[in-house]
């Protein structure tokens, strides 16, 4: 009996050593790749019951395209797909080359979208049911190991019916629709959202417009929605900083105020709004904000006079004294 069991174990190891299922990471999941017709921006979003799905599934490069490689993942499809897009400038051709050159193609699922909005997708014959895809103009939705075979159709409908939203929000709408339809039969764990520019600026840090990941969470899509809202608020903060650099105080006040309105409980946003108002000579409007922040966290009070030397706080000495006296 022991010999029989040992033989089965050896046979099993031999089979899996020769099979892509035995050596590649799993990410049974649903995803979307898409292009925004108005801006040219491209994005990919994914959710799976697997840890840190964004590490290997979602790939993108400004001015090139986006890739989602899933099921029994071939991780090379991400970087190789982007490199192929640079050479052949065609999602369909890049996908054909990748799939034809992969011995494990039957367990792969792959979607590629190029900078022209042309998308291509592939679902291997041995992907775990329910599995499928829909390729449309400027998008592709794909899923495997789903609870229902209506998941990818629901994703397509959600994406197409949300044209008024920015691309990142549309991608999340597609993920939400997938989950509402039943989603991954195993449940939820991680998600990723990536949006890149349609045309590269040559500055990688500027070309990734949204780059968010939820690696392990009970409700990754709703957590991603929360993070995207925080991201949008900090976009206003960053614009406010830029306006401050250029001396556009009124515009900076507007941007910081917009951020604060989105997250009124956020002390960082409230504080810099106060600083900008003070620098604009609106000390009376700044005082209540400073006081509210100081009462919540005295470290902001300690920080305030340190802003004078680098020129981040340009109030007079008497105005600074008024601000500092708020905790006395």
Protein backbone atom coordinates (compact mmCIF):
# COMPACT_ATOMS: atom_id res chain seq x y z
CA UNK A 1 0.00 0.00 0.00
CA UNK A 2 2.81 2.40 0.90
CA UNK A 3 4.57 1.56 -2.35
CA UNK A 4 1.37 2.24 -4.29
CA UNK A 5 0.89 5.63 -2.66
CA UNK A 6 4.52 6.54 -3.27
CA UNK A 7 4.12 5.61 -6.93
CA UNK A 8 1.05 7.86 -7.22
CA UNK A 9 2.95 10.73 -5.63
CA UNK A 10 5.86 10.33 -8.04
CA UNK A 11 3.53 10.15 -11.04
CA UNK A 12 1.66 13.23 -9.84
CA UNK A 13 4.92 15.16 -9.46
CA UNK A 14 6.04 14.15 -12.94
CA UNK A 15 2.74 15.25 -14.50
CA UNK A 16 2.75 18.60 -12.76
CA UNK A 17 6.43 19.17 -13.51
CA UNK A 18 5.55 18.92 -17.20
CA UNK A 19 2.39 20.99 -16.91
CA UNK A 20 2.07 24.79 -16.74
CA UNK A 21 -0.53 24.27 -14.02
CA UNK A 22 2.16 22.98 -11.72
CA UNK A 23 4.63 25.84 -12.00
CA UNK A 24 2.72 29.04 -12.76
CA UNK A 25 0.94 31.30 -10.25
CA UNK A 26 -2.85 31.23 -10.16
CA UNK A 27 -5.07 34.25 -10.56
CA UNK A 28 -8.54 33.07 -11.49
CA UNK A 29 -10.31 36.36 -11.82
CA UNK A 30 -12.21 38.94 -13.78
CA UNK A 31 -10.67 41.98 -15.45
CA UNK A 32 -11.18 44.75 -17.97
CA UNK A 33 -8.81 46.58 -20.31
CA UNK A 34 -10.12 49.78 -21.89
CA UNK A 35 -9.38 53.11 -23.56
CA UNK A 36 -11.12 56.43 -22.93
CA UNK A 37 -12.14 57.85 -26.33
CA UNK A 38 -12.21 61.42 -24.99
CA UNK A 39 -8.74 61.48 -23.42
CA UNK A 40 -6.91 58.57 -25.03
CA UNK A 41 -6.00 57.28 -21.57
CA UNK A 42 -5.80 53.50 -21.16
CA UNK A 43 -6.53 51.37 -18.12
CA UNK A 44 -6.78 47.90 -16.65
CA UNK A 45 -8.68 46.77 -13.55
CA UNK A 46 -8.86 43.35 -11.92
CA UNK A 47 -10.31 41.54 -8.88
CA UNK A 48 -9.61 38.03 -7.65
CA UNK A 49 -9.82 35.70 -4.67
CA UNK A 50 -6.03 35.58 -4.62
CA UNK A 51 -3.45 37.58 -2.71
CA UNK A 52 -1.98 40.69 -4.41
CA UNK A 53 -3.55 40.10 -7.82
CA UNK A 54 -2.14 43.38 -9.15
CA UNK A 55 1.43 42.12 -8.79
CA UNK A 56 1.25 39.92 -11.88
CA UNK A 57 -2.08 40.37 -13.67
CA UNK A 58 -2.21 44.07 -14.62
CA UNK A 59 0.37 45.82 -16.79
CA UNK A 60 0.43 49.12 -18.65
CA UNK A 61 2.68 51.72 -20.24
CA UNK A 62 1.76 55.20 -21.48
CA UNK A 63 1.71 55.51 -25.24
CA UNK A 64 1.89 51.72 -25.61
CA UNK A 65 -1.06 49.82 -24.13
CA UNK A 66 -2.35 47.70 -21.26
CA UNK A 67 -2.34 43.96 -20.56
CA UNK A 68 -4.24 41.58 -18.26
CA UNK A 69 -2.74 38.08 -17.93
CA UNK A 70 -4.74 35.69 -15.75
CA UNK A 71 -6.08 32.19 -15.04
CA UNK A 72 -2.86 30.13 -14.67
CA UNK A 73 -0.74 33.21 -15.25
CA UNK A 74 2.18 33.45 -17.59
CA UNK A 75 3.83 36.47 -15.91
CA UNK A 76 5.99 37.13 -18.98
CA UNK A 77 2.87 38.06 -20.95
CA UNK A 78 2.86 41.43 -19.15
CA UNK A 79 6.28 42.86 -20.03
CA UNK A 80 6.57 40.84 -23.24
CA UNK A 81 3.15 42.02 -24.37
CA UNK A 82 4.09 45.67 -23.87
CA UNK A 83 7.39 45.17 -25.70
CA UNK A 84 5.57 43.49 -28.59
CA UNK A 85 3.12 46.39 -28.80
CA UNK A 86 6.09 48.71 -29.30
CA UNK A 87 7.30 46.53 -32.18
CA UNK A 88 4.11 45.53 -34.00
CA UNK A 89 1.74 48.29 -32.77
CA UNK A 90 -1.15 45.81 -32.80
CA UNK A 91 -2.91 44.17 -29.87
CA UNK A 92 -4.14 41.34 -32.06
CA UNK A 93 -0.69 40.54 -33.42
CA UNK A 94 0.95 40.82 -30.01
CA UNK A 95 -1.61 38.41 -28.54
CA UNK A 96 -1.20 35.97 -31.43
CA UNK A 97 2.58 35.86 -30.95
CA UNK A 98 2.33 35.37 -27.20
CA UNK A 99 -0.29 32.62 -27.32
CA UNK A 100 1.29 30.71 -30.20
CA UNK A 101 4.61 30.68 -28.37
CA UNK A 102 3.20 29.38 -25.08
CA UNK A 103 2.90 25.64 -24.42
CA UNK A 104 0.50 26.37 -21.60
CA UNK A 105 -1.92 28.31 -23.78
CA UNK A 106 -4.86 26.05 -22.93
CA UNK A 107 -4.92 27.27 -19.31
CA UNK A 108 -4.21 30.92 -20.04
CA UNK A 109 -6.50 33.91 -20.29
CA UNK A 110 -5.06 37.07 -21.81
CA UNK A 111 -6.32 40.49 -22.88
CA UNK A 112 -4.33 43.25 -24.61
CA UNK A 113 -5.39 46.75 -25.65
CA UNK A 114 -3.15 48.99 -27.75
CA UNK A 115 -2.92 52.78 -27.90
CA UNK A 116 -5.33 52.88 -30.85
CA UNK A 117 -8.09 51.30 -28.77
CA UNK A 118 -7.87 47.95 -30.55
CA UNK A 119 -8.25 45.08 -28.11
CA UNK A 120 -7.74 41.34 -28.36
CA UNK A 121 -8.46 38.54 -25.91
CA UNK A 122 -7.93 34.81 -25.54
CA UNK A 123 -9.48 32.21 -23.24
CA UNK A 124 -7.83 28.78 -23.19
CA UNK A 125 -9.93 25.65 -23.56
CA UNK A 126 -8.90 24.40 -20.10
CA UNK A 127 -9.70 27.59 -18.17
CA UNK A 128 -11.96 26.77 -15.24
CA UNK A 129 -15.67 27.39 -16.04
CA UNK A 130 -17.40 29.63 -16.13
CA UNK A 131 -14.91 31.42 -18.36
CA UNK A 132 -15.28 33.79 -21.27
CA UNK A 133 -14.64 37.16 -22.82
CA UNK A 134 -16.20 39.97 -24.84
CA UNK A 135 -14.04 42.12 -27.10
CA UNK A 136 -15.50 45.46 -28.16
CA UNK A 137 -14.44 48.82 -29.51
CA UNK A 138 -11.93 50.30 -27.04
CA UNK A 139 -12.37 47.56 -24.43
CA UNK A 140 -12.27 43.89 -23.56
CA UNK A 141 -13.77 42.13 -20.53
CA UNK A 142 -12.71 38.62 -19.49
CA UNK A 143 -13.26 36.25 -16.58
CA UNK A 144 -12.63 32.69 -15.46
CA UNK A 145 -13.72 30.51 -12.52
CA UNK A 146 -16.85 32.64 -12.21
CA UNK A 147 -19.99 31.72 -10.29
CA UNK A 148 -22.16 32.58 -13.32
CA UNK A 149 -21.55 32.79 -17.04
CA UNK A 150 -23.22 36.22 -17.13
CA UNK A 151 -20.35 37.99 -15.33
CA UNK A 152 -18.46 39.34 -18.34
CA UNK A 153 -21.67 40.47 -20.01
CA UNK A 154 -22.55 42.48 -16.91
CA UNK A 155 -19.08 44.03 -16.98
CA UNK A 156 -19.50 45.12 -20.58
CA UNK A 157 -22.91 46.66 -19.87
CA UNK A 158 -21.59 48.61 -16.87
CA UNK A 159 -18.62 49.96 -18.82
CA UNK A 160 -20.67 51.02 -21.84
CA UNK A 161 -23.38 52.68 -19.74
CA UNK A 162 -20.97 54.90 -17.76
CA UNK A 163 -19.39 57.01 -20.51
CA UNK A 164 -19.89 60.21 -18.52
CA UNK A 165 -17.40 59.05 -15.85
CA UNK A 166 -13.59 59.22 -15.90
CA UNK A 167 -11.93 56.02 -17.08
CA UNK A 168 -10.84 54.82 -13.61
CA UNK A 169 -14.40 55.10 -12.30
CA UNK A 170 -15.73 53.26 -15.36
CA UNK A 171 -13.29 50.40 -14.80
CA UNK A 172 -14.42 50.11 -11.20
CA UNK A 173 -18.05 50.16 -12.31
CA UNK A 174 -17.29 47.10 -14.44
CA UNK A 175 -15.72 45.31 -11.47
CA UNK A 176 -18.71 46.18 -9.29
CA UNK A 177 -21.07 44.77 -11.90
CA UNK A 178 -19.06 41.56 -12.05
CA UNK A 179 -19.24 41.14 -8.30
CA UNK A 180 -22.96 41.90 -8.23
CA UNK A 181 -23.43 39.12 -10.79
CA UNK A 182 -21.69 36.60 -8.53
CA UNK A 183 -18.04 37.26 -9.39
CA UNK A 184 -15.28 34.79 -8.56
CA UNK A 185 -16.93 31.62 -7.22
CA UNK A 186 -14.36 31.53 -4.38
CA UNK A 187 -15.14 35.06 -3.20
CA UNK A 188 -13.07 38.26 -2.93
CA UNK A 189 -9.57 39.14 -1.76
CA UNK A 190 -7.55 41.61 -3.85
CA UNK A 191 -7.94 44.18 -6.62
CA UNK A 192 -5.83 46.51 -8.75
CA UNK A 193 -6.50 49.62 -10.84
CA UNK A 194 -4.05 51.15 -13.31
CA UNK A 195 -4.61 54.07 -15.72
CA UNK A 196 -1.86 55.43 -17.99
CA UNK A 197 -1.75 58.26 -20.50
CA UNK A 198 -2.52 57.60 -24.14
CA UNK A 199 0.61 59.55 -25.08
CA UNK A 200 3.78 59.37 -23.05
CA UNK A 201 5.23 62.59 -21.66
CA UNK A 202 8.58 60.91 -21.12
CA UNK A 203 8.03 61.28 -17.37
CA UNK A 204 7.02 57.94 -15.90
CA UNK A 205 5.80 59.58 -12.69
CA UNK A 206 3.38 61.74 -14.70
CA UNK A 207 2.29 59.03 -17.10
CA UNK A 208 0.73 56.76 -14.45
CA UNK A 209 -2.45 58.67 -13.71
CA UNK A 210 -3.93 56.13 -11.29
CA UNK A 211 -1.99 53.23 -9.76
CA UNK A 212 -3.82 51.61 -6.83
CA UNK A 213 -3.76 48.14 -5.32
CA UNK A 214 -5.67 46.32 -2.61
CA UNK A 215 -3.58 43.26 -1.79
CA UNK A 216 -5.71 41.61 0.92
CA UNK A 217 -9.16 42.81 2.01
CA UNK A 218 -12.60 41.39 2.79
CA UNK A 219 -14.21 43.83 0.35
CA UNK A 220 -11.50 44.91 -2.10
CA UNK A 221 -13.72 46.68 -4.63
CA UNK A 222 -15.37 48.99 -2.11
CA UNK A 223 -11.98 49.63 -0.55
CA UNK A 224 -10.67 50.49 -4.03
CA UNK A 225 -13.56 52.92 -4.49
CA UNK A 226 -12.59 54.60 -1.22
CA UNK A 227 -8.93 54.83 -2.25
CA UNK A 228 -9.85 56.26 -5.64
CA UNK A 229 -11.83 59.00 -3.91
CA UNK A 230 -8.80 59.75 -1.71
CA UNK A 231 -6.68 59.78 -4.87
CA UNK A 232 -8.98 62.33 -6.48
CA UNK A 233 -8.83 64.52 -3.38
CA UNK A 234 -5.05 64.45 -3.35
CA UNK A 235 -5.06 65.38 -7.03
CA UNK A 236 -6.59 68.66 -5.86
CA UNK A 237 -3.93 68.89 -3.14
CA UNK A 238 -1.15 68.40 -5.68
CA UNK A 239 -2.68 71.02 -7.96
CA UNK A 240 -2.87 73.36 -4.99
CA UNK A 241 0.82 72.82 -4.28
CA UNK A 242 1.62 73.59 -7.90
CA UNK A 243 -0.44 76.80 -7.83
CA UNK A 244 1.39 77.81 -4.64
CA UNK A 245 4.72 77.26 -6.41
CA UNK A 246 3.60 79.62 -9.16
CA UNK A 247 2.24 82.20 -6.73
CA UNK A 248 -1.39 81.68 -7.73
CA UNK A 249 -2.78 81.93 -4.22
CA UNK A 250 -6.45 82.22 -5.14
CA UNK A 251 -6.28 79.15 -7.35
CA UNK A 252 -4.39 77.24 -4.64
CA UNK A 253 -7.12 78.11 -2.12
CA UNK A 254 -9.69 76.77 -4.55
CA UNK A 255 -7.85 73.47 -5.04
CA UNK A 256 -7.17 72.90 -1.33
CA UNK A 257 -10.78 73.75 -0.57
CA UNK A 258 -11.99 71.21 -3.13
CA UNK A 259 -9.85 68.53 -1.49
CA UNK A 260 -11.08 69.44 1.98
CA UNK A 261 -14.70 69.31 0.85
CA UNK A 262 -14.16 65.72 -0.30
CA UNK A 263 -12.61 64.68 3.05
CA UNK A 264 -13.51 67.27 5.70
CA UNK A 265 -12.17 64.99 8.45
CA UNK A 266 -8.68 64.87 6.88
CA UNK A 267 -6.36 67.11 8.95
CA UNK A 268 -3.69 67.36 6.25
CA UNK A 269 -6.11 68.87 3.76
CA UNK A 270 -7.64 71.21 6.32
CA UNK A 271 -4.21 72.36 7.49
CA UNK A 272 -2.83 73.28 4.07
CA UNK A 273 -6.08 74.99 3.22
CA UNK A 274 -5.53 77.13 6.33
CA UNK A 275 -1.92 77.84 5.38
CA UNK A 276 -2.95 78.95 1.91
CA UNK A 277 -5.67 81.22 3.27
CA UNK A 278 -3.17 82.79 5.68
CA UNK A 279 -0.66 83.35 2.88
CA UNK A 280 -3.42 85.00 0.84
CA UNK A 281 -4.05 87.49 3.66
CA UNK A 282 -7.26 85.72 4.69
CA UNK A 283 -6.07 85.22 8.26
CA UNK A 284 -9.58 85.49 9.73
CA UNK A 285 -10.77 82.62 7.54
CA UNK A 286 -7.63 80.61 8.32
CA UNK A 287 -7.89 80.84 12.11
CA UNK A 288 -10.87 78.48 12.58
CA UNK A 289 -9.21 75.87 10.39
CA UNK A 290 -5.89 76.13 12.22
CA UNK A 291 -7.64 75.84 15.57
CA UNK A 292 -9.65 72.77 14.56
CA UNK A 293 -6.49 71.03 13.35
CA UNK A 294 -4.40 71.99 16.40
CA UNK A 295 -7.05 70.70 18.79
CA UNK A 296 -7.07 67.34 17.02
CA UNK A 297 -3.28 66.98 16.81
CA UNK A 298 -0.74 69.28 18.48
CA UNK A 299 2.01 68.19 16.09
CA UNK A 300 0.53 70.48 13.44
CA UNK A 301 0.89 73.37 15.92
CA UNK A 302 4.55 72.45 16.41
CA UNK A 303 5.09 72.25 12.66
CA UNK A 304 3.61 75.66 11.86
CA UNK A 305 6.54 78.00 12.73
CA UNK A 306 8.90 75.66 10.91
CA UNK A 307 7.17 76.56 7.64
CA UNK A 308 8.39 80.16 7.79
CA UNK A 309 12.05 79.55 6.90
CA UNK A 310 11.38 77.61 3.65
CA UNK A 311 8.74 80.18 2.67
CA UNK A 312 5.74 77.89 2.94
CA UNK A 313 4.10 80.21 5.47
CA UNK A 314 4.50 83.90 4.61
CA UNK A 315 2.52 85.62 7.36
CA UNK A 316 3.81 88.51 9.44
CA UNK A 317 5.31 87.92 12.88
CA UNK A 318 2.19 89.25 14.57
CA UNK A 319 -0.03 86.99 12.46
CA UNK A 320 2.14 84.01 13.32
CA UNK A 321 1.80 84.88 17.00
CA UNK A 322 -1.98 84.91 16.62
CA UNK A 323 -1.89 81.48 15.00
CA UNK A 324 0.43 80.05 17.63
CA UNK A 325 -1.68 81.47 20.46
CA UNK A 326 -4.63 79.33 19.45
CA UNK A 327 -3.54 76.57 21.85
CA UNK A 328 -2.60 78.86 24.74
